PDB file of N, CA and C in Angstrom:
ATOM      1  N   MET A   1     -70.100 -82.969 -70.976  1.00  0.00           N
ATOM      2  CA  MET A   1     -68.963 -83.521 -70.289  1.00  0.00           C
ATOM      3  C   MET A   1     -67.790 -82.533 -70.239  1.00  0.00           C
ATOM      4  N   GLU A   2     -67.529 -81.914 -71.374  1.00  0.00           N
ATOM      5  CA  GLU A   2     -66.441 -80.954 -71.434  1.00  0.00           C
ATOM      6  C   GLU A   2     -66.688 -79.769 -70.515  1.00  0.00           C
ATOM      7  N   ASN A   3     -67.914 -79.357 -70.397  1.00  0.00           N
ATOM      8  CA  ASN A   3     -68.276 -78.218 -69.568  1.00  0.00           C
ATOM      9  C   ASN A   3     -67.929 -78.476 -68.097  1.00  0.00           C
ATOM     10  N   LYS A   4     -68.176 -79.690 -67.609  1.00  0.00           N
ATOM     11  CA  LYS A   4     -67.847 -80.034 -66.222  1.00  0.00           C
ATOM     12  C   LYS A   4     -66.334 -80.044 -66.006  1.00  0.00           C
ATOM     13  N   GLU A   5     -65.602 -80.540 -66.991  1.00  0.00           N
ATOM     14  CA  GLU A   5     -64.140 -80.560 -66.873  1.00  0.00           C
ATOM     15  C   GLU A   5     -63.579 -79.142 -66.869  1.00  0.00           C
ATOM     16  N   ASN A   6     -64.136 -78.275 -67.706  1.00  0.00           N
ATOM     17  CA  ASN A   6     -63.691 -76.877 -67.728  1.00  0.00           C
ATOM     18  C   ASN A   6     -63.994 -76.195 -66.402  1.00  0.00           C
ATOM     19  N   ARG A   7     -65.165 -76.471 -65.847  1.00  0.00           N
ATOM     20  CA  ARG A   7     -65.559 -75.870 -64.574  1.00  0.00           C
ATOM     21  C   ARG A   7     -64.627 -76.353 -63.456  1.00  0.00           C
ATOM     22  N   LYS A   8     -64.324 -77.661 -63.460  1.00  0.00           N
ATOM     23  CA  LYS A   8     -63.427 -78.224 -62.447  1.00  0.00           C
ATOM     24  C   LYS A   8     -62.034 -77.604 -62.578  1.00  0.00           C
ATOM     25  N   SER A   9     -61.557 -77.481 -63.794  1.00  0.00           N
ATOM     26  CA  SER A   9     -60.253 -76.882 -64.048  1.00  0.00           C
ATOM     27  C   SER A   9     -60.226 -75.420 -63.596  1.00  0.00           C
ATOM     28  N   ARG A  10     -61.296 -74.688 -63.869  1.00  0.00           N
ATOM     29  CA  ARG A  10     -61.390 -73.289 -63.475  1.00  0.00           C
ATOM     30  C   ARG A  10     -61.418 -73.171 -61.948  1.00  0.00           C
ATOM     31  N   ASN A  11     -62.153 -74.049 -61.273  1.00  0.00           N
ATOM     32  CA  ASN A  11     -62.206 -74.032 -59.805  1.00  0.00           C
ATOM     33  C   ASN A  11     -60.835 -74.319 -59.195  1.00  0.00           C
ATOM     34  N   GLU A  12     -60.103 -75.237 -59.793  1.00  0.00           N
ATOM     35  CA  GLU A  12     -58.756 -75.534 -59.313  1.00  0.00           C
ATOM     36  C   GLU A  12     -57.843 -74.320 -59.483  1.00  0.00           C
ATOM     37  N   LEU A  13     -57.992 -73.627 -60.599  1.00  0.00           N
ATOM     38  CA  LEU A  13     -57.205 -72.424 -60.836  1.00  0.00           C
ATOM     39  C   LEU A  13     -57.530 -71.354 -59.794  1.00  0.00           C
ATOM     40  N   TYR A  14     -58.808 -71.162 -59.486  1.00  0.00           N
ATOM     41  CA  TYR A  14     -59.213 -70.200 -58.458  1.00  0.00           C
ATOM     42  C   TYR A  14     -58.625 -70.578 -57.099  1.00  0.00           C
ATOM     43  N   LEU A  15     -58.643 -71.859 -56.785  1.00  0.00           N
ATOM     44  CA  LEU A  15     -58.098 -72.328 -55.515  1.00  0.00           C
ATOM     45  C   LEU A  15     -56.600 -72.033 -55.425  1.00  0.00           C
ATOM     46  N   VAL A  16     -55.871 -72.349 -56.475  1.00  0.00           N
ATOM     47  CA  VAL A  16     -54.426 -72.112 -56.484  1.00  0.00           C
ATOM     48  C   VAL A  16     -54.132 -70.616 -56.369  1.00  0.00           C
ATOM     49  N   CYS A  17     -54.860 -69.795 -57.113  1.00  0.00           N
ATOM     50  CA  CYS A  17     -54.662 -68.339 -57.045  1.00  0.00           C
ATOM     51  C   CYS A  17     -54.993 -67.810 -55.650  1.00  0.00           C
ATOM     52  N   GLY A  18     -56.058 -68.309 -55.058  1.00  0.00           N
ATOM     53  CA  GLY A  18     -56.437 -67.887 -53.711  1.00  0.00           C
ATOM     54  C   GLY A  18     -55.372 -68.247 -52.688  1.00  0.00           C
ATOM     55  N   LEU A  19     -54.821 -69.453 -52.788  1.00  0.00           N
ATOM     56  CA  LEU A  19     -53.759 -69.870 -51.870  1.00  0.00           C
ATOM     57  C   LEU A  19     -52.501 -69.030 -52.069  1.00  0.00           C
ATOM     58  N   LEU A  20     -52.201 -68.706 -53.314  1.00  0.00           N
ATOM     59  CA  LEU A  20     -51.036 -67.882 -53.600  1.00  0.00           C
ATOM     60  C   LEU A  20     -51.197 -66.478 -53.014  1.00  0.00           C
ATOM     61  N   VAL A  21     -52.366 -65.895 -53.173  1.00  0.00           N
ATOM     62  CA  VAL A  21     -52.635 -64.568 -52.608  1.00  0.00           C
ATOM     63  C   VAL A  21     -52.531 -64.618 -51.083  1.00  0.00           C
ATOM     64  N   PHE A  22     -53.092 -65.653 -50.466  1.00  0.00           N
ATOM     65  CA  PHE A  22     -53.012 -65.810 -49.015  1.00  0.00           C
ATOM     66  C   PHE A  22     -51.557 -65.906 -48.564  1.00  0.00           C
ATOM     67  N   ALA A  23     -50.745 -66.682 -49.276  1.00  0.00           N
ATOM     68  CA  ALA A  23     -49.337 -66.844 -48.907  1.00  0.00           C
ATOM     69  C   ALA A  23     -48.584 -65.520 -49.003  1.00  0.00           C
ATOM     70  N   VAL A  24     -48.846 -64.746 -50.044  1.00  0.00           N
ATOM     71  CA  VAL A  24     -48.178 -63.455 -50.204  1.00  0.00           C
ATOM     72  C   VAL A  24     -48.578 -62.504 -49.079  1.00  0.00           C
ATOM     73  N   ILE A  25     -49.856 -62.461 -48.749  1.00  0.00           N
ATOM     74  CA  ILE A  25     -50.331 -61.587 -47.668  1.00  0.00           C
ATOM     75  C   ILE A  25     -49.726 -62.015 -46.330  1.00  0.00           C
ATOM     76  N   PHE A  26     -49.678 -63.317 -46.075  1.00  0.00           N
ATOM     77  CA  PHE A  26     -49.108 -63.835 -44.834  1.00  0.00           C
ATOM     78  C   PHE A  26     -47.630 -63.460 -44.732  1.00  0.00           C
ATOM     79  N   PHE A  27     -46.876 -63.668 -45.806  1.00  0.00           N
ATOM     80  CA  PHE A  27     -45.445 -63.363 -45.806  1.00  0.00           C
ATOM     81  C   PHE A  27     -45.210 -61.870 -45.602  1.00  0.00           C
ATOM     82  N   ALA A  28     -45.957 -61.032 -46.297  1.00  0.00           N
ATOM     83  CA  ALA A  28     -45.804 -59.577 -46.167  1.00  0.00           C
ATOM     84  C   ALA A  28     -46.140 -59.128 -44.745  1.00  0.00           C
ATOM     85  N   GLY A  29     -47.190 -59.681 -44.162  1.00  0.00           N
ATOM     86  CA  GLY A  29     -47.561 -59.344 -42.791  1.00  0.00           C
ATOM     87  C   GLY A  29     -46.496 -59.765 -41.799  1.00  0.00           C
ATOM     88  N   TYR A  30     -45.939 -60.939 -41.989  1.00  0.00           N
ATOM     89  CA  TYR A  30     -44.882 -61.434 -41.109  1.00  0.00           C
ATOM     90  C   TYR A  30     -43.667 -60.506 -41.160  1.00  0.00           C
ATOM     91  N   ARG A  31     -43.261 -60.127 -42.366  1.00  0.00           N
ATOM     92  CA  ARG A  31     -42.110 -59.234 -42.524  1.00  0.00           C
ATOM     93  C   ARG A  31     -42.388 -57.860 -41.902  1.00  0.00           C
ATOM     94  N   PHE A  32     -43.602 -57.357 -42.080  1.00  0.00           N
ATOM     95  CA  PHE A  32     -43.964 -56.046 -41.551  1.00  0.00           C
ATOM     96  C   PHE A  32     -43.969 -56.061 -40.026  1.00  0.00           C
ATOM     97  N   LEU A  33     -44.523 -57.097 -39.419  1.00  0.00           N
ATOM     98  CA  LEU A  33     -44.617 -57.171 -37.963  1.00  0.00           C
ATOM     99  C   LEU A  33     -43.265 -57.396 -37.304  1.00  0.00           C
ATOM    100  N   ASN A  34     -42.314 -57.989 -38.014  1.00  0.00           N
ATOM    101  CA  ASN A  34     -41.001 -58.250 -37.431  1.00  0.00           C
ATOM    102  C   ASN A  34     -40.050 -57.070 -37.547  1.00  0.00           C
ATOM    103  N   ARG A  35     -40.478 -55.997 -38.119  1.00  0.00           N
ATOM    104  CA  ARG A  35     -39.603 -54.814 -38.200  1.00  0.00           C
ATOM    105  C   ARG A  35     -39.593 -54.144 -36.835  1.00  0.00           C
ATOM    106  N   GLY A  36     -40.144 -53.026 -36.618  1.00  0.00           N
ATOM    107  CA  GLY A  36     -40.270 -52.428 -35.290  1.00  0.00           C
ATOM    108  C   GLY A  36     -38.953 -51.976 -34.702  1.00  0.00           C
ATOM    109  N   THR A  37     -38.753 -52.262 -33.407  1.00  0.00           N
ATOM    110  CA  THR A  37     -37.584 -51.773 -32.686  1.00  0.00           C
ATOM    111  C   THR A  37     -36.317 -52.470 -33.161  1.00  0.00           C
ATOM    112  N   ALA A  38     -35.202 -51.859 -32.826  1.00  0.00           N
ATOM    113  CA  ALA A  38     -33.915 -52.412 -33.223  1.00  0.00           C
ATOM    114  C   ALA A  38     -33.698 -53.767 -32.560  1.00  0.00           C
ATOM    115  N   SER A  39     -33.157 -54.684 -33.311  1.00  0.00           N
ATOM    116  CA  SER A  39     -32.879 -56.024 -32.806  1.00  0.00           C
ATOM    117  C   SER A  39     -31.577 -56.024 -32.015  1.00  0.00           C
ATOM    118  N   VAL A  40     -31.394 -57.084 -31.244  1.00  0.00           N
ATOM    119  CA  VAL A  40     -30.145 -57.271 -30.512  1.00  0.00           C
ATOM    120  C   VAL A  40     -29.566 -58.633 -30.860  1.00  0.00           C
ATOM    121  N   ALA A  41     -28.242 -58.712 -30.831  1.00  0.00           N
ATOM    122  CA  ALA A  41     -27.539 -59.975 -31.021  1.00  0.00           C
ATOM    123  C   ALA A  41     -27.203 -60.506 -29.636  1.00  0.00           C
ATOM    124  N   VAL A  42     -27.730 -61.672 -29.309  1.00  0.00           N
ATOM    125  CA  VAL A  42     -27.472 -62.295 -28.013  1.00  0.00           C
ATOM    126  C   VAL A  42     -26.319 -63.277 -28.198  1.00  0.00           C
ATOM    127  N   VAL A  43     -25.216 -63.038 -27.503  1.00  0.00           N
ATOM    128  CA  VAL A  43     -24.016 -63.858 -27.619  1.00  0.00           C
ATOM    129  C   VAL A  43     -23.979 -64.839 -26.458  1.00  0.00           C
ATOM    130  N   SER A  44     -23.949 -66.135 -26.787  1.00  0.00           N
ATOM    131  CA  SER A  44     -23.895 -67.185 -25.764  1.00  0.00           C
ATOM    132  C   SER A  44     -22.695 -68.085 -26.027  1.00  0.00           C
ATOM    133  N   VAL A  45     -22.051 -68.504 -24.947  1.00  0.00           N
ATOM    134  CA  VAL A  45     -20.956 -69.463 -25.035  1.00  0.00           C
ATOM    135  C   VAL A  45     -21.253 -70.592 -24.066  1.00  0.00           C
ATOM    136  N   ASN A  46     -21.276 -71.796 -24.577  1.00  0.00           N
ATOM    137  CA  ASN A  46     -21.529 -72.992 -23.775  1.00  0.00           C
ATOM    138  C   ASN A  46     -22.837 -72.876 -22.989  1.00  0.00           C
ATOM    139  N   GLY A  47     -23.847 -72.256 -23.603  1.00  0.00           N
ATOM    140  CA  GLY A  47     -25.164 -72.140 -22.988  1.00  0.00           C
ATOM    141  C   GLY A  47     -25.350 -70.949 -22.066  1.00  0.00           C
ATOM    142  N   GLN A  48     -24.296 -70.190 -21.817  1.00  0.00           N
ATOM    143  CA  GLN A  48     -24.369 -69.023 -20.935  1.00  0.00           C
ATOM    144  C   GLN A  48     -24.397 -67.741 -21.771  1.00  0.00           C
ATOM    145  N   THR A  49     -25.389 -66.888 -21.525  1.00  0.00           N
ATOM    146  CA  THR A  49     -25.467 -65.614 -22.237  1.00  0.00           C
ATOM    147  C   THR A  49     -24.383 -64.678 -21.714  1.00  0.00           C
ATOM    148  N   LEU A  50     -23.540 -64.191 -22.622  1.00  0.00           N
ATOM    149  CA  LEU A  50     -22.459 -63.277 -22.245  1.00  0.00           C
ATOM    150  C   LEU A  50     -22.842 -61.818 -22.436  1.00  0.00           C
ATOM    151  N   GLN A  51     -23.448 -61.516 -23.602  1.00  0.00           N
ATOM    152  CA  GLN A  51     -23.749 -60.122 -23.927  1.00  0.00           C
ATOM    153  C   GLN A  51     -24.983 -60.036 -24.802  1.00  0.00           C
ATOM    154  N   GLU A  52     -25.600 -58.867 -24.777  1.00  0.00           N
ATOM    155  CA  GLU A  52     -26.646 -58.522 -25.731  1.00  0.00           C
ATOM    156  C   GLU A  52     -26.198 -57.236 -26.404  1.00  0.00           C
ATOM    157  N   LEU A  53     -25.980 -57.308 -27.710  1.00  0.00           N
ATOM    158  CA  LEU A  53     -25.441 -56.172 -28.453  1.00  0.00           C
ATOM    159  C   LEU A  53     -26.486 -55.638 -29.424  1.00  0.00           C
ATOM    160  N   PRO A  54     -26.824 -54.343 -29.347  1.00  0.00           N
ATOM    161  CA  PRO A  54     -27.805 -53.783 -30.284  1.00  0.00           C
ATOM    162  C   PRO A  54     -27.234 -53.745 -31.705  1.00  0.00           C
ATOM    163  N   LEU A  55     -28.056 -54.111 -32.676  1.00  0.00           N
ATOM    164  CA  LEU A  55     -27.596 -54.136 -34.062  1.00  0.00           C
ATOM    165  C   LEU A  55     -27.529 -52.750 -34.685  1.00  0.00           C
ATOM    166  N   ASP A  56     -28.092 -51.753 -34.015  1.00  0.00           N
ATOM    167  CA  ASP A  56     -28.031 -50.401 -34.569  1.00  0.00           C
ATOM    168  C   ASP A  56     -26.760 -49.658 -34.141  1.00  0.00           C
ATOM    169  N   GLN A  57     -25.866 -50.351 -33.421  1.00  0.00           N
ATOM    170  CA  GLN A  57     -24.576 -49.771 -33.024  1.00  0.00           C
ATOM    171  C   GLN A  57     -23.462 -50.685 -33.522  1.00  0.00           C
ATOM    172  N   ASP A  58     -22.540 -50.147 -34.306  1.00  0.00           N
ATOM    173  CA  ASP A  58     -21.428 -50.945 -34.816  1.00  0.00           C
ATOM    174  C   ASP A  58     -20.571 -51.453 -33.659  1.00  0.00           C
ATOM    175  N   ALA A  59     -20.066 -52.663 -33.815  1.00  0.00           N
ATOM    176  CA  ALA A  59     -19.220 -53.264 -32.779  1.00  0.00           C
ATOM    177  C   ALA A  59     -18.225 -54.204 -33.439  1.00  0.00           C
ATOM    178  N   ASP A  60     -17.138 -54.458 -32.732  1.00  0.00           N
ATOM    179  CA  ASP A  60     -16.077 -55.327 -33.221  1.00  0.00           C
ATOM    180  C   ASP A  60     -15.437 -55.958 -31.987  1.00  0.00           C
ATOM    181  N   LEU A  61     -15.599 -57.258 -31.784  1.00  0.00           N
ATOM    182  CA  LEU A  61     -15.043 -57.874 -30.585  1.00  0.00           C
ATOM    183  C   LEU A  61     -14.660 -59.323 -30.819  1.00  0.00           C
ATOM    184  N   ILE A  62     -13.815 -59.805 -29.945  1.00  0.00           N
ATOM    185  CA  ILE A  62     -13.374 -61.196 -29.969  1.00  0.00           C
ATOM    186  C   ILE A  62     -14.127 -61.941 -28.877  1.00  0.00           C
ATOM    187  N   ILE A  63     -14.744 -63.057 -29.259  1.00  0.00           N
ATOM    188  CA  ILE A  63     -15.474 -63.893 -28.303  1.00  0.00           C
ATOM    189  C   ILE A  63     -14.605 -65.105 -28.003  1.00  0.00           C
ATOM    190  N   GLU A  64     -14.369 -65.354 -26.725  1.00  0.00           N
ATOM    191  CA  GLU A  64     -13.608 -66.534 -26.332  1.00  0.00           C
ATOM    192  C   GLU A  64     -14.566 -67.684 -26.109  1.00  0.00           C
ATOM    193  N   GLY A  65     -14.412 -68.726 -26.914  1.00  0.00           N
ATOM    194  CA  GLY A  65     -15.234 -69.914 -26.783  1.00  0.00           C
ATOM    195  C   GLY A  65     -14.600 -70.890 -25.808  1.00  0.00           C
ATOM    196  N   VAL A  66     -15.048 -72.126 -25.855  1.00  0.00           N
ATOM    197  CA  VAL A  66     -14.492 -73.145 -24.965  1.00  0.00           C
ATOM    198  C   VAL A  66     -13.123 -73.588 -25.468  1.00  0.00           C
ATOM    199  N   ASN A  67     -12.321 -74.120 -24.573  1.00  0.00           N
ATOM    200  CA  ASN A  67     -10.997 -74.654 -24.893  1.00  0.00           C
ATOM    201  C   ASN A  67     -10.096 -73.650 -25.605  1.00  0.00           C
ATOM    202  N   GLY A  68     -10.261 -72.358 -25.326  1.00  0.00           N
ATOM    203  CA  GLY A  68      -9.384 -71.342 -25.901  1.00  0.00           C
ATOM    204  C   GLY A  68      -9.708 -70.919 -27.321  1.00  0.00           C
ATOM    205  N   GLY A  69     -10.777 -71.437 -27.896  1.00  0.00           N
ATOM    206  CA  GLY A  69     -11.161 -71.044 -29.255  1.00  0.00           C
ATOM    207  C   GLY A  69     -11.696 -69.624 -29.285  1.00  0.00           C
ATOM    208  N   THR A  70     -11.565 -68.965 -30.431  1.00  0.00           N
ATOM    209  CA  THR A  70     -12.039 -67.584 -30.548  1.00  0.00           C
ATOM    210  C   THR A  70     -12.868 -67.386 -31.815  1.00  0.00           C
ATOM    211  N   ASN A  71     -13.751 -66.412 -31.737  1.00  0.00           N
ATOM    212  CA  ASN A  71     -14.560 -65.970 -32.876  1.00  0.00           C
ATOM    213  C   ASN A  71     -14.517 -64.446 -32.911  1.00  0.00           C
ATOM    214  N   HIS A  72     -14.307 -63.890 -34.091  1.00  0.00           N
ATOM    215  CA  HIS A  72     -14.282 -62.432 -34.270  1.00  0.00           C
ATOM    216  C   HIS A  72     -15.662 -62.000 -34.746  1.00  0.00           C
ATOM    217  N   LEU A  73     -16.391 -61.298 -33.886  1.00  0.00           N
ATOM    218  CA  LEU A  73     -17.751 -60.849 -34.175  1.00  0.00           C
ATOM    219  C   LEU A  73     -17.721 -59.391 -34.623  1.00  0.00           C
ATOM    220  N   VAL A  74     -18.455 -59.098 -35.704  1.00  0.00           N
ATOM    221  CA  VAL A  74     -18.534 -57.734 -36.222  1.00  0.00           C
ATOM    222  C   VAL A  74     -20.004 -57.381 -36.431  1.00  0.00           C
ATOM    223  N   ILE A  75     -20.393 -56.199 -35.948  1.00  0.00           N
ATOM    224  CA  ILE A  75     -21.728 -55.661 -36.227  1.00  0.00           C
ATOM    225  C   ILE A  75     -21.533 -54.406 -37.065  1.00  0.00           C
ATOM    226  N   ARG A  76     -22.096 -54.422 -38.276  1.00  0.00           N
ATOM    227  CA  ARG A  76     -22.021 -53.291 -39.201  1.00  0.00           C
ATOM    228  C   ARG A  76     -23.338 -53.175 -39.943  1.00  0.00           C
ATOM    229  N   ASP A  77     -23.818 -51.961 -40.092  1.00  0.00           N
ATOM    230  CA  ASP A  77     -25.014 -51.677 -40.901  1.00  0.00           C
ATOM    231  C   ASP A  77     -26.220 -52.532 -40.498  1.00  0.00           C
ATOM    232  N   GLY A  78     -26.381 -52.755 -39.200  1.00  0.00           N
ATOM    233  CA  GLY A  78     -27.545 -53.484 -38.708  1.00  0.00           C
ATOM    234  C   GLY A  78     -27.487 -54.985 -38.883  1.00  0.00           C
ATOM    235  N   ALA A  79     -26.297 -55.528 -39.152  1.00  0.00           N
ATOM    236  CA  ALA A  79     -26.149 -56.976 -39.331  1.00  0.00           C
ATOM    237  C   ALA A  79     -24.949 -57.466 -38.530  1.00  0.00           C
ATOM    238  N   VAL A  80     -25.030 -58.703 -38.070  1.00  0.00           N
ATOM    239  CA  VAL A  80     -23.945 -59.307 -37.299  1.00  0.00           C
ATOM    240  C   VAL A  80     -23.337 -60.444 -38.116  1.00  0.00           C
ATOM    241  N   SER A  81     -22.025 -60.588 -38.010  1.00  0.00           N
ATOM    242  CA  SER A  81     -21.350 -61.687 -38.699  1.00  0.00           C
ATOM    243  C   SER A  81     -20.122 -62.095 -37.902  1.00  0.00           C
ATOM    244  N   ILE A  82     -19.648 -63.292 -38.176  1.00  0.00           N
ATOM    245  CA  ILE A  82     -18.372 -63.749 -37.644  1.00  0.00           C
ATOM    246  C   ILE A  82     -17.405 -63.705 -38.820  1.00  0.00           C
ATOM    247  N   THR A  83     -16.349 -62.910 -38.684  1.00  0.00           N
ATOM    248  CA  THR A  83     -15.425 -62.720 -39.801  1.00  0.00           C
ATOM    249  C   THR A  83     -14.203 -63.629 -39.723  1.00  0.00           C
ATOM    250  N   GLU A  84     -13.847 -64.070 -38.524  1.00  0.00           N
ATOM    251  CA  GLU A  84     -12.728 -64.992 -38.337  1.00  0.00           C
ATOM    252  C   GLU A  84     -13.064 -65.931 -37.192  1.00  0.00           C
ATOM    253  N   ALA A  85     -12.546 -67.157 -37.279  1.00  0.00           N
ATOM    254  CA  ALA A  85     -12.776 -68.128 -36.205  1.00  0.00           C
ATOM    255  C   ALA A  85     -11.613 -69.105 -36.148  1.00  0.00           C
ATOM    256  N   SER A  86     -11.371 -69.641 -34.958  1.00  0.00           N
ATOM    257  CA  SER A  86     -10.282 -70.597 -34.777  1.00  0.00           C
ATOM    258  C   SER A  86     -10.720 -72.036 -35.049  1.00  0.00           C
ATOM    259  N   CYS A  87     -11.987 -72.242 -35.338  1.00  0.00           N
ATOM    260  CA  CYS A  87     -12.496 -73.598 -35.582  1.00  0.00           C
ATOM    261  C   CYS A  87     -11.982 -74.123 -36.929  1.00  0.00           C
ATOM    262  N   PRO A  88     -11.926 -75.445 -37.107  1.00  0.00           N
ATOM    263  CA  PRO A  88     -11.324 -75.996 -38.322  1.00  0.00           C
ATOM    264  C   PRO A  88     -12.133 -75.765 -39.612  1.00  0.00           C
ATOM    265  N   ASP A  89     -13.437 -75.899 -39.577  1.00  0.00           N
ATOM    266  CA  ASP A  89     -14.235 -75.804 -40.806  1.00  0.00           C
ATOM    267  C   ASP A  89     -14.682 -74.387 -41.142  1.00  0.00           C
ATOM    268  N   LYS A  90     -14.739 -73.524 -40.167  1.00  0.00           N
ATOM    269  CA  LYS A  90     -15.148 -72.120 -40.338  1.00  0.00           C
ATOM    270  C   LYS A  90     -16.539 -71.970 -40.967  1.00  0.00           C
ATOM    271  N   ILE A  91     -17.431 -72.878 -40.618  1.00  0.00           N
ATOM    272  CA  ILE A  91     -18.814 -72.802 -41.109  1.00  0.00           C
ATOM    273  C   ILE A  91     -19.468 -71.519 -40.614  1.00  0.00           C
ATOM    274  N   CYS A  92     -19.158 -71.124 -39.390  1.00  0.00           N
ATOM    275  CA  CYS A  92     -19.738 -69.897 -38.827  1.00  0.00           C
ATOM    276  C   CYS A  92     -19.330 -68.665 -39.630  1.00  0.00           C
ATOM    277  N   VAL A  93     -18.136 -68.660 -40.187  1.00  0.00           N
ATOM    278  CA  VAL A  93     -17.671 -67.536 -41.004  1.00  0.00           C
ATOM    279  C   VAL A  93     -18.425 -67.513 -42.334  1.00  0.00           C
ATOM    280  N   HIS A  94     -18.629 -68.695 -42.910  1.00  0.00           N
ATOM    281  CA  HIS A  94     -19.284 -68.800 -44.221  1.00  0.00           C
ATOM    282  C   HIS A  94     -20.790 -68.570 -44.156  1.00  0.00           C
ATOM    283  N   GLU A  95     -21.371 -68.551 -42.959  1.00  0.00           N
ATOM    284  CA  GLU A  95     -22.813 -68.291 -42.838  1.00  0.00           C
ATOM    285  C   GLU A  95     -23.166 -66.876 -43.265  1.00  0.00           C
ATOM    286  N   GLY A  96     -22.228 -65.962 -43.190  1.00  0.00           N
ATOM    287  CA  GLY A  96     -22.482 -64.589 -43.621  1.00  0.00           C
ATOM    288  C   GLY A  96     -23.211 -63.779 -42.570  1.00  0.00           C
ATOM    289  N   ALA A  97     -23.619 -62.583 -42.964  1.00  0.00           N
ATOM    290  CA  ALA A  97     -24.252 -61.640 -42.043  1.00  0.00           C
ATOM    291  C   ALA A  97     -25.713 -61.996 -41.808  1.00  0.00           C
ATOM    292  N   LYS A  98     -26.160 -61.788 -40.576  1.00  0.00           N
ATOM    293  CA  LYS A  98     -27.555 -62.039 -40.190  1.00  0.00           C
ATOM    294  C   LYS A  98     -28.134 -60.751 -39.632  1.00  0.00           C
ATOM    295  N   ARG A  99     -29.404 -60.475 -39.973  1.00  0.00           N
ATOM    296  CA  ARG A  99     -30.031 -59.239 -39.493  1.00  0.00           C
ATOM    297  C   ARG A  99     -31.481 -59.424 -39.074  1.00  0.00           C
ATOM    298  N   GLU A 100     -32.094 -60.538 -39.406  1.00  0.00           N
ATOM    299  CA  GLU A 100     -33.516 -60.754 -39.122  1.00  0.00           C
ATOM    300  C   GLU A 100     -33.706 -61.450 -37.781  1.00  0.00           C
ATOM    301  N   LYS A 101     -34.754 -61.075 -37.060  1.00  0.00           N
ATOM    302  CA  LYS A 101     -35.077 -61.723 -35.789  1.00  0.00           C
ATOM    303  C   LYS A 101     -35.277 -63.217 -36.017  1.00  0.00           C
ATOM    304  N   GLY A 102     -34.718 -64.011 -35.102  1.00  0.00           N
ATOM    305  CA  GLY A 102     -34.839 -65.457 -35.197  1.00  0.00           C
ATOM    306  C   GLY A 102     -33.662 -66.122 -35.891  1.00  0.00           C
ATOM    307  N   GLU A 103     -32.858 -65.370 -36.624  1.00  0.00           N
ATOM    308  CA  GLU A 103     -31.690 -65.951 -37.280  1.00  0.00           C
ATOM    309  C   GLU A 103     -30.584 -66.169 -36.249  1.00  0.00           C
ATOM    310  N   ALA A 104     -29.669 -67.080 -36.572  1.00  0.00           N
ATOM    311  CA  ALA A 104     -28.580 -67.380 -35.641  1.00  0.00           C
ATOM    312  C   ALA A 104     -27.321 -67.766 -36.404  1.00  0.00           C
ATOM    313  N   ILE A 105     -26.202 -67.535 -35.758  1.00  0.00           N
ATOM    314  CA  ILE A 105     -24.904 -68.007 -36.238  1.00  0.00           C
ATOM    315  C   ILE A 105     -24.377 -68.935 -35.151  1.00  0.00           C
ATOM    316  N   THR A 106     -23.926 -70.115 -35.554  1.00  0.00           N
ATOM    317  CA  THR A 106     -23.484 -71.111 -34.582  1.00  0.00           C
ATOM    318  C   THR A 106     -22.084 -71.600 -34.925  1.00  0.00           C
ATOM    319  N   CYS A 107     -21.225 -71.658 -33.926  1.00  0.00           N
ATOM    320  CA  CYS A 107     -19.902 -72.263 -34.062  1.00  0.00           C
ATOM    321  C   CYS A 107     -19.860 -73.432 -33.080  1.00  0.00           C
ATOM    322  N   LEU A 108     -20.060 -74.623 -33.579  1.00  0.00           N
ATOM    323  CA  LEU A 108     -20.127 -75.796 -32.700  1.00  0.00           C
ATOM    324  C   LEU A 108     -18.810 -76.099 -31.986  1.00  0.00           C
ATOM    325  N   PRO A 109     -17.643 -76.067 -32.664  1.00  0.00           N
ATOM    326  CA  PRO A 109     -16.403 -76.383 -31.940  1.00  0.00           C
ATOM    327  C   PRO A 109     -16.133 -75.437 -30.768  1.00  0.00           C
ATOM    328  N   ASN A 110     -16.437 -74.149 -30.941  1.00  0.00           N
ATOM    329  CA  ASN A 110     -16.200 -73.173 -29.869  1.00  0.00           C
ATOM    330  C   ASN A 110     -17.412 -72.993 -28.963  1.00  0.00           C
ATOM    331  N   LYS A 111     -18.517 -73.648 -29.299  1.00  0.00           N
ATOM    332  CA  LYS A 111     -19.775 -73.573 -28.547  1.00  0.00           C
ATOM    333  C   LYS A 111     -20.279 -72.134 -28.412  1.00  0.00           C
ATOM    334  N   VAL A 112     -20.172 -71.380 -29.512  1.00  0.00           N
ATOM    335  CA  VAL A 112     -20.632 -69.993 -29.569  1.00  0.00           C
ATOM    336  C   VAL A 112     -21.908 -69.946 -30.391  1.00  0.00           C
ATOM    337  N   ILE A 113     -22.932 -69.295 -29.849  1.00  0.00           N
ATOM    338  CA  ILE A 113     -24.189 -69.098 -30.568  1.00  0.00           C
ATOM    339  C   ILE A 113     -24.544 -67.620 -30.490  1.00  0.00           C
ATOM    340  N   ILE A 114     -24.828 -67.036 -31.644  1.00  0.00           N
ATOM    341  CA  ILE A 114     -25.277 -65.643 -31.715  1.00  0.00           C
ATOM    342  C   ILE A 114     -26.680 -65.673 -32.291  1.00  0.00           C
ATOM    343  N   THR A 115     -27.649 -65.235 -31.498  1.00  0.00           N
ATOM    344  CA  THR A 115     -29.054 -65.255 -31.899  1.00  0.00           C
ATOM    345  C   THR A 115     -29.567 -63.832 -31.991  1.00  0.00           C
ATOM    346  N   ILE A 116     -30.347 -63.545 -33.022  1.00  0.00           N
ATOM    347  CA  ILE A 116     -30.933 -62.212 -33.166  1.00  0.00           C
ATOM    348  C   ILE A 116     -32.327 -62.228 -32.575  1.00  0.00           C
ATOM    349  N   LYS A 117     -32.560 -61.304 -31.652  1.00  0.00           N
ATOM    350  CA  LYS A 117     -33.874 -61.191 -30.998  1.00  0.00           C
ATOM    351  C   LYS A 117     -34.389 -59.787 -31.126  1.00  0.00           C
TER     352      LYS A 117
END
């Protein structure tokens, strides 16, 4: 009886280790494939794309959102961030710098979305 329980326990351990190895390989492959060419920050206001800014070139600009709101966008060292905003909660400022494809910074009051592609 004990032998069957040990075998079952050992098989479960092999399964967990196998899944863990698969997850690590999948994650490493995903990160490796997403490197490649320089990413761009796509700046949209109220659903309209305004600019595409390469992340490999430093930039500093003011984005005018809806109703006169503004966001200060900075690109430094391959990452984009909003450093100042006229919105009340400043959630977009607290999101910090983004550099990976698929990440985004959103300012809902000003209707500004910055997506990395």
